[in-house]
PDB file of all heavy atoms in Angstrom:
ATOM      1  N   CYS A   1       0.947  -1.204   0.010  1.00  0.00           N
ATOM      2  CA  CYS A   1      -0.014   0.015   0.032  1.00  0.00           C
ATOM      3  C   CYS A   1       0.865   1.269   0.031  1.00  0.00           C
ATOM      4  O   CYS A   1       2.091   1.155   0.192  1.00  0.00           O
ATOM      5  CB  CYS A   1      -0.915   0.039   1.236  1.00  0.00           C
ATOM      6  SG  CYS A   1       0.002  -0.058   2.840  1.00  0.00           S
ATOM      7  N   GLN A   2       0.309   2.333  -0.224  1.00  0.00           N
ATOM      8  CA  GLN A   2       0.873   3.705  -0.068  1.00  0.00           C
ATOM      9  C   GLN A   2       0.511   4.068   1.419  1.00  0.00           C
ATOM     10  O   GLN A   2      -0.400   4.614   1.746  1.00  0.00           O
ATOM     11  CB  GLN A   2       0.350   4.610  -0.958  1.00  0.00           C
ATOM     12  CG  GLN A   2       0.787   4.333  -2.495  1.00  0.00           C
ATOM     13  CD  GLN A   2       0.384   5.459  -3.493  1.00  0.00           C
ATOM     14  OE1 GLN A   2      -0.740   5.890  -3.509  1.00  0.00           O
ATOM     15  NE2 GLN A   2       1.173   5.687  -4.409  1.00  0.00           N
ATOM     16  N   ASP A   3       1.488   3.676   2.238  1.00  0.00           N
ATOM     17  CA  ASP A   3       1.229   3.650   3.718  1.00  0.00           C
ATOM     18  C   ASP A   3       1.556   5.007   4.322  1.00  0.00           C
ATOM     19  O   ASP A   3       2.508   5.197   5.181  1.00  0.00           O
ATOM     20  CB  ASP A   3       2.067   2.576   4.430  1.00  0.00           C
ATOM     21  CG  ASP A   3       1.579   2.131   5.788  1.00  0.00           C
ATOM     22  OD1 ASP A   3       0.388   2.661   6.140  1.00  0.00           O
ATOM     23  OD2 ASP A   3       2.167   1.472   6.565  1.00  0.00           O
ATOM     24  N   THR A   4       0.827   5.961   3.829  1.00  0.00           N
ATOM     25  CA  THR A   4       0.905   7.359   4.288  1.00  0.00           C
ATOM     26  C   THR A   4      -0.532   7.876   4.431  1.00  0.00           C
ATOM     27  O   THR A   4      -1.312   7.721   3.664  1.00  0.00           O
ATOM     28  CB  THR A   4       1.747   8.284   3.412  1.00  0.00           C
ATOM     29  OG1 THR A   4       1.529   9.565   3.740  1.00  0.00           O
ATOM     30  CG2 THR A   4       1.286   8.066   1.910  1.00  0.00           C
ATOM     31  N   PRO A   5      -0.778   8.650   5.524  1.00  0.00           N
ATOM     32  CA  PRO A   5      -2.048   9.265   5.667  1.00  0.00           C
ATOM     33  C   PRO A   5      -2.400  10.266   4.700  1.00  0.00           C
ATOM     34  O   PRO A   5      -3.588  10.682   4.626  1.00  0.00           O
ATOM     35  CB  PRO A   5      -2.104   9.696   7.126  1.00  0.00           C
ATOM     36  CG  PRO A   5      -0.690   9.874   7.538  1.00  0.00           C
ATOM     37  CD  PRO A   5       0.049   8.819   6.717  1.00  0.00           C
ATOM     38  N   SER A   6      -1.461  10.675   3.943  1.00  0.00           N
ATOM     39  CA  SER A   6      -1.758  11.664   2.792  1.00  0.00           C
ATOM     40  C   SER A   6      -2.599  11.011   1.713  1.00  0.00           C
ATOM     41  O   SER A   6      -3.129  11.781   0.892  1.00  0.00           O
ATOM     42  CB  SER A   6      -0.401  12.287   2.370  1.00  0.00           C
ATOM     43  OG  SER A   6       0.388  11.335   1.646  1.00  0.00           O
ATOM     44  N   VAL A   7      -2.500   9.723   1.608  1.00  0.00           N
ATOM     45  CA  VAL A   7      -3.208   9.039   0.499  1.00  0.00           C
ATOM     46  C   VAL A   7      -4.500   8.412   1.167  1.00  0.00           C
ATOM     47  O   VAL A   7      -4.357   7.506   2.196  1.00  0.00           O
ATOM     48  CB  VAL A   7      -2.464   7.937  -0.089  1.00  0.00           C
ATOM     49  CG1 VAL A   7      -3.371   7.098  -1.043  1.00  0.00           C
ATOM     50  CG2 VAL A   7      -1.280   8.534  -0.753  1.00  0.00           C
ATOM     51  N   LYS A   8      -5.683   8.663   0.766  1.00  0.00           N
ATOM     52  CA  LYS A   8      -6.920   8.033   1.161  1.00  0.00           C
ATOM     53  C   LYS A   8      -7.543   7.319   0.024  1.00  0.00           C
ATOM     54  O   LYS A   8      -7.662   7.821  -0.937  1.00  0.00           O
ATOM     55  CB  LYS A   8      -7.979   9.121   1.726  1.00  0.00           C
ATOM     56  CG  LYS A   8      -7.587   9.769   3.032  1.00  0.00           C
ATOM     57  CD  LYS A   8      -8.575  10.734   3.530  1.00  0.00           C
ATOM     58  CE  LYS A   8      -8.355  11.131   4.972  1.00  0.00           C
ATOM     59  NZ  LYS A   8      -9.397  12.014   5.465  1.00  0.00           N
ATOM     60  N   SER A   9      -8.041   6.096   0.319  1.00  0.00           N
ATOM     61  CA  SER A   9      -8.708   5.345  -0.755  1.00  0.00           C
ATOM     62  C   SER A   9      -9.830   4.506  -0.138  1.00  0.00           C
ATOM     63  O   SER A   9      -9.763   4.188   1.108  1.00  0.00           O
ATOM     64  CB  SER A   9      -7.755   4.461  -1.468  1.00  0.00           C
ATOM     65  OG  SER A   9      -7.225   3.382  -0.697  1.00  0.00           O
ATOM     66  N   THR A  10     -10.683   4.071  -0.927  1.00  0.00           N
ATOM     67  CA  THR A  10     -11.745   3.087  -0.536  1.00  0.00           C
ATOM     68  C   THR A  10     -11.180   1.701  -0.564  1.00  0.00           C
ATOM     69  O   THR A  10     -10.064   1.541  -1.124  1.00  0.00           O
ATOM     70  CB  THR A  10     -12.949   3.119  -1.488  1.00  0.00           C
ATOM     71  OG1 THR A  10     -12.532   3.052  -2.894  1.00  0.00           O
ATOM     72  CG2 THR A  10     -13.615   4.532  -1.411  1.00  0.00           C
ATOM     73  N   TYR A  11     -11.759   0.779   0.041  1.00  0.00           N
ATOM     74  CA  TYR A  11     -11.353  -0.583   0.024  1.00  0.00           C
ATOM     75  C   TYR A  11     -12.503  -1.586   0.103  1.00  0.00           C
ATOM     76  O   TYR A  11     -13.589  -1.257   0.509  1.00  0.00           O
ATOM     77  CB  TYR A  11     -10.233  -0.837   1.028  1.00  0.00           C
ATOM     78  CG  TYR A  11     -10.649  -1.253   2.427  1.00  0.00           C
ATOM     79  CD1 TYR A  11     -10.936  -2.716   2.684  1.00  0.00           C
ATOM     80  CD2 TYR A  11     -10.909  -0.405   3.495  1.00  0.00           C
ATOM     81  CE1 TYR A  11     -11.251  -3.093   3.907  1.00  0.00           C
ATOM     82  CE2 TYR A  11     -11.247  -0.731   4.723  1.00  0.00           C
ATOM     83  CZ  TYR A  11     -11.367  -2.237   5.011  1.00  0.00           C
ATOM     84  OH  TYR A  11     -11.762  -2.616   6.312  1.00  0.00           O
ATOM     85  N   SER A  12     -12.205  -2.758  -0.342  1.00  0.00           N
ATOM     86  CA  SER A  12     -13.181  -3.804  -0.313  1.00  0.00           C
ATOM     87  C   SER A  12     -12.330  -5.166   0.076  1.00  0.00           C
ATOM     88  O   SER A  12     -11.110  -5.173  -0.104  1.00  0.00           O
ATOM     89  CB  SER A  12     -13.953  -4.063  -1.602  1.00  0.00           C
ATOM     90  OG  SER A  12     -13.101  -4.188  -2.654  1.00  0.00           O
ATOM     91  N   ALA A  13     -13.025  -6.220   0.444  1.00  0.00           N
ATOM     92  CA  ALA A  13     -12.282  -7.392   0.881  1.00  0.00           C
ATOM     93  C   ALA A  13     -13.109  -8.661   0.833  1.00  0.00           C
ATOM     94  O   ALA A  13     -14.347  -8.575   1.055  1.00  0.00           O
ATOM     95  CB  ALA A  13     -11.693  -7.222   2.277  1.00  0.00           C
ATOM     96  N   LYS A  14     -12.534  -9.772   0.455  1.00  0.00           N
ATOM     97  CA  LYS A  14     -13.141 -11.057   0.567  1.00  0.00           C
ATOM     98  C   LYS A  14     -12.116 -11.890   1.481  1.00  0.00           C
ATOM     99  O   LYS A  14     -10.959 -12.123   1.088  1.00  0.00           O
ATOM    100  CB  LYS A  14     -13.227 -11.818  -0.793  1.00  0.00           C
ATOM    101  CG  LYS A  14     -14.284 -11.246  -1.607  1.00  0.00           C
ATOM    102  CD  LYS A  14     -14.350 -12.051  -2.940  1.00  0.00           C
ATOM    103  CE  LYS A  14     -15.446 -11.464  -3.873  1.00  0.00           C
ATOM    104  NZ  LYS A  14     -15.632 -12.326  -5.100  1.00  0.00           N
ATOM    105  N   ILE A  15     -12.586 -12.317   2.648  1.00  0.00           N
ATOM    106  CA  ILE A  15     -11.689 -12.911   3.681  1.00  0.00           C
ATOM    107  C   ILE A  15     -12.249 -14.371   3.832  1.00  0.00           C
ATOM    108  O   ILE A  15     -13.341 -14.603   4.264  1.00  0.00           O
ATOM    109  CB  ILE A  15     -11.723 -12.235   4.963  1.00  0.00           C
ATOM    110  CG1 ILE A  15     -11.301 -10.761   4.728  1.00  0.00           C
ATOM    111  CG2 ILE A  15     -10.744 -12.849   5.902  1.00  0.00           C
ATOM    112  CD1 ILE A  15     -10.036 -10.413   4.113  1.00  0.00           C
ATOM    113  N   SER A  16     -11.384 -15.426   3.628  1.00  0.00           N
ATOM    114  CA  SER A  16     -11.734 -16.752   3.883  1.00  0.00           C
ATOM    115  C   SER A  16     -11.128 -17.281   5.222  1.00  0.00           C
ATOM    116  O   SER A  16      -9.929 -17.065   5.498  1.00  0.00           O
ATOM    117  CB  SER A  16     -11.088 -17.626   2.672  1.00  0.00           C
ATOM    118  OG  SER A  16     -11.215 -18.939   2.922  1.00  0.00           O
ATOM    119  N   VAL A  17     -12.024 -17.839   5.931  1.00  0.00           N
ATOM    120  CA  VAL A  17     -11.647 -18.381   7.263  1.00  0.00           C
ATOM    121  C   VAL A  17     -12.285 -19.627   7.650  1.00  0.00           C
ATOM    122  O   VAL A  17     -13.232 -20.068   6.953  1.00  0.00           O
ATOM    123  CB  VAL A  17     -12.070 -17.361   8.457  1.00  0.00           C
ATOM    124  CG1 VAL A  17     -11.323 -16.021   8.325  1.00  0.00           C
ATOM    125  CG2 VAL A  17     -13.554 -17.125   8.382  1.00  0.00           C
ATOM    126  N   PRO A  18     -11.727 -20.358   8.682  1.00  0.00           N
ATOM    127  CA  PRO A  18     -12.479 -21.629   9.152  1.00  0.00           C
ATOM    128  C   PRO A  18     -13.972 -21.268   9.422  1.00  0.00           C
ATOM    129  O   PRO A  18     -14.160 -20.152  10.001  1.00  0.00           O
ATOM    130  CB  PRO A  18     -11.663 -21.994  10.286  1.00  0.00           C
ATOM    131  CG  PRO A  18     -10.227 -21.433  10.088  1.00  0.00           C
ATOM    132  CD  PRO A  18     -10.482 -20.108   9.395  1.00  0.00           C
ATOM    133  N   ARG A  19     -14.809 -22.055   9.135  1.00  0.00           N
ATOM    134  CA  ARG A  19     -16.191 -21.815   9.211  1.00  0.00           C
ATOM    135  C   ARG A  19     -16.790 -21.501  10.627  1.00  0.00           C
ATOM    136  O   ARG A  19     -17.800 -20.797  10.839  1.00  0.00           O
ATOM    137  CB  ARG A  19     -17.150 -22.898   8.686  1.00  0.00           C
ATOM    138  CG  ARG A  19     -17.042 -24.323   9.421  1.00  0.00           C
ATOM    139  CD  ARG A  19     -18.140 -25.169   9.098  1.00  0.00           C
ATOM    140  NE  ARG A  19     -18.302 -25.520   7.806  1.00  0.00           N
ATOM    141  CZ  ARG A  19     -19.283 -25.159   6.961  1.00  0.00           C
ATOM    142  NH1 ARG A  19     -20.262 -24.464   7.471  1.00  0.00           N
ATOM    143  NH2 ARG A  19     -19.375 -25.429   5.721  1.00  0.00           N
ATOM    144  N   GLU A  20     -16.079 -21.846  11.665  1.00  0.00           N
ATOM    145  CA  GLU A  20     -16.517 -21.650  13.024  1.00  0.00           C
ATOM    146  C   GLU A  20     -16.108 -20.279  13.570  1.00  0.00           C
ATOM    147  O   GLU A  20     -16.493 -19.948  14.659  1.00  0.00           O
ATOM    148  CB  GLU A  20     -16.023 -22.716  14.043  1.00  0.00           C
ATOM    149  CG  GLU A  20     -14.411 -22.757  14.118  1.00  0.00           C
ATOM    150  CD  GLU A  20     -13.698 -23.688  13.118  1.00  0.00           C
ATOM    151  OE1 GLU A  20     -14.439 -24.068  12.091  1.00  0.00           O
ATOM    152  OE2 GLU A  20     -12.525 -24.059  13.377  1.00  0.00           O
ATOM    153  N   LEU A  21     -15.370 -19.562  12.707  1.00  0.00           N
ATOM    154  CA  LEU A  21     -14.857 -18.251  13.091  1.00  0.00           C
ATOM    155  C   LEU A  21     -15.586 -17.104  12.435  1.00  0.00           C
ATOM    156  O   LEU A  21     -16.277 -17.324  11.329  1.00  0.00           O
ATOM    157  CB  LEU A  21     -13.332 -18.158  12.858  1.00  0.00           C
ATOM    158  CG  LEU A  21     -12.404 -19.057  13.569  1.00  0.00           C
ATOM    159  CD1 LEU A  21     -10.988 -18.946  13.272  1.00  0.00           C
ATOM    160  CD2 LEU A  21     -12.710 -19.090  15.105  1.00  0.00           C
ATOM    161  N   THR A  22     -15.619 -16.056  13.033  1.00  0.00           N
ATOM    162  CA  THR A  22     -16.294 -14.714  12.441  1.00  0.00           C
ATOM    163  C   THR A  22     -15.205 -13.741  12.115  1.00  0.00           C
ATOM    164  O   THR A  22     -14.240 -13.473  12.886  1.00  0.00           O
ATOM    165  CB  THR A  22     -17.227 -14.145  13.563  1.00  0.00           C
ATOM    166  OG1 THR A  22     -18.274 -15.148  13.766  1.00  0.00           O
ATOM    167  CG2 THR A  22     -17.956 -12.931  13.079  1.00  0.00           C
ATOM    168  N   VAL A  23     -15.475 -13.061  11.053  1.00  0.00           N
ATOM    169  CA  VAL A  23     -14.522 -11.935  10.575  1.00  0.00           C
ATOM    170  C   VAL A  23     -15.360 -10.667  10.784  1.00  0.00           C
ATOM    171  O   VAL A  23     -16.430 -10.469  10.494  1.00  0.00           O
ATOM    172  CB  VAL A  23     -14.167 -12.069   9.157  1.00  0.00           C
ATOM    173  CG1 VAL A  23     -13.122 -11.063   8.703  1.00  0.00           C
ATOM    174  CG2 VAL A  23     -13.641 -13.478   8.899  1.00  0.00           C
ATOM    175  N   VAL A  24     -14.507  -9.546  11.297  1.00  0.00           N
ATOM    176  CA  VAL A  24     -15.068  -8.252  11.319  1.00  0.00           C
ATOM    177  C   VAL A  24     -13.972  -7.386  10.812  1.00  0.00           C
ATOM    178  O   VAL A  24     -12.757  -7.662  10.870  1.00  0.00           O
ATOM    179  CB  VAL A  24     -15.444  -7.803  12.692  1.00  0.00           C
ATOM    180  CG1 VAL A  24     -16.714  -8.407  13.154  1.00  0.00           C
ATOM    181  CG2 VAL A  24     -14.367  -8.036  13.786  1.00  0.00           C
ATOM    182  N   MET A  25     -14.360  -6.224  10.086  1.00  0.00           N
ATOM    183  CA  MET A  25     -13.466  -5.415   9.524  1.00  0.00           C
ATOM    184  C   MET A  25     -13.876  -3.905   9.688  1.00  0.00           C
ATOM    185  O   MET A  25     -14.987  -3.681  10.058  1.00  0.00           O
ATOM    186  CB  MET A  25     -13.111  -5.633   8.028  1.00  0.00           C
ATOM    187  CG  MET A  25     -12.532  -6.907   7.734  1.00  0.00           C
ATOM    188  SD  MET A  25     -11.971  -7.105   6.046  1.00  0.00           S
ATOM    189  CE  MET A  25     -10.334  -6.181   6.005  1.00  0.00           C
ATOM    190  N   SER A  26     -12.977  -2.995   9.419  1.00  0.00           N
ATOM    191  CA  SER A  26     -13.312  -1.500   9.535  1.00  0.00           C
ATOM    192  C   SER A  26     -14.077  -1.129   8.218  1.00  0.00           C
ATOM    193  O   SER A  26     -13.646  -0.204   7.504  1.00  0.00           O
ATOM    194  CB  SER A  26     -12.003  -0.712   9.690  1.00  0.00           C
ATOM    195  OG  SER A  26     -11.032  -0.961   8.560  1.00  0.00           O
ATOM    196  N   ALA A  27     -15.152  -1.801   7.985  1.00  0.00           N
ATOM    197  CA  ALA A  27     -15.997  -1.640   6.791  1.00  0.00           C
ATOM    198  C   ALA A  27     -17.393  -2.259   6.933  1.00  0.00           C
ATOM    199  O   ALA A  27     -17.679  -2.773   8.039  1.00  0.00           O
ATOM    200  CB  ALA A  27     -15.248  -2.422   5.633  1.00  0.00           C
ATOM    201  N   LEU A  28     -18.168  -2.108   5.975  1.00  0.00           N
ATOM    202  CA  LEU A  28     -19.578  -2.641   6.026  1.00  0.00           C
ATOM    203  C   LEU A  28     -19.624  -4.018   5.469  1.00  0.00           C
ATOM    204  O   LEU A  28     -18.999  -4.344   4.436  1.00  0.00           O
ATOM    205  CB  LEU A  28     -20.538  -1.788   5.186  1.00  0.00           C
ATOM    206  CG  LEU A  28     -20.511  -0.161   5.608  1.00  0.00           C
ATOM    207  CD1 LEU A  28     -21.283   0.507   4.585  1.00  0.00           C
ATOM    208  CD2 LEU A  28     -21.034  -0.006   6.923  1.00  0.00           C
TER     209      LEU A  28
END
C-alpha cells in the first residue's frame, strides 16, 4: 500500500476463514 495518511482510498475485501470463526473489519 501507499502507507501514508496523505493518501486516502476506498477498500473492499473477501476474507476466507475456518467456518467456526467470525470476521469483522473496518468496513460494512
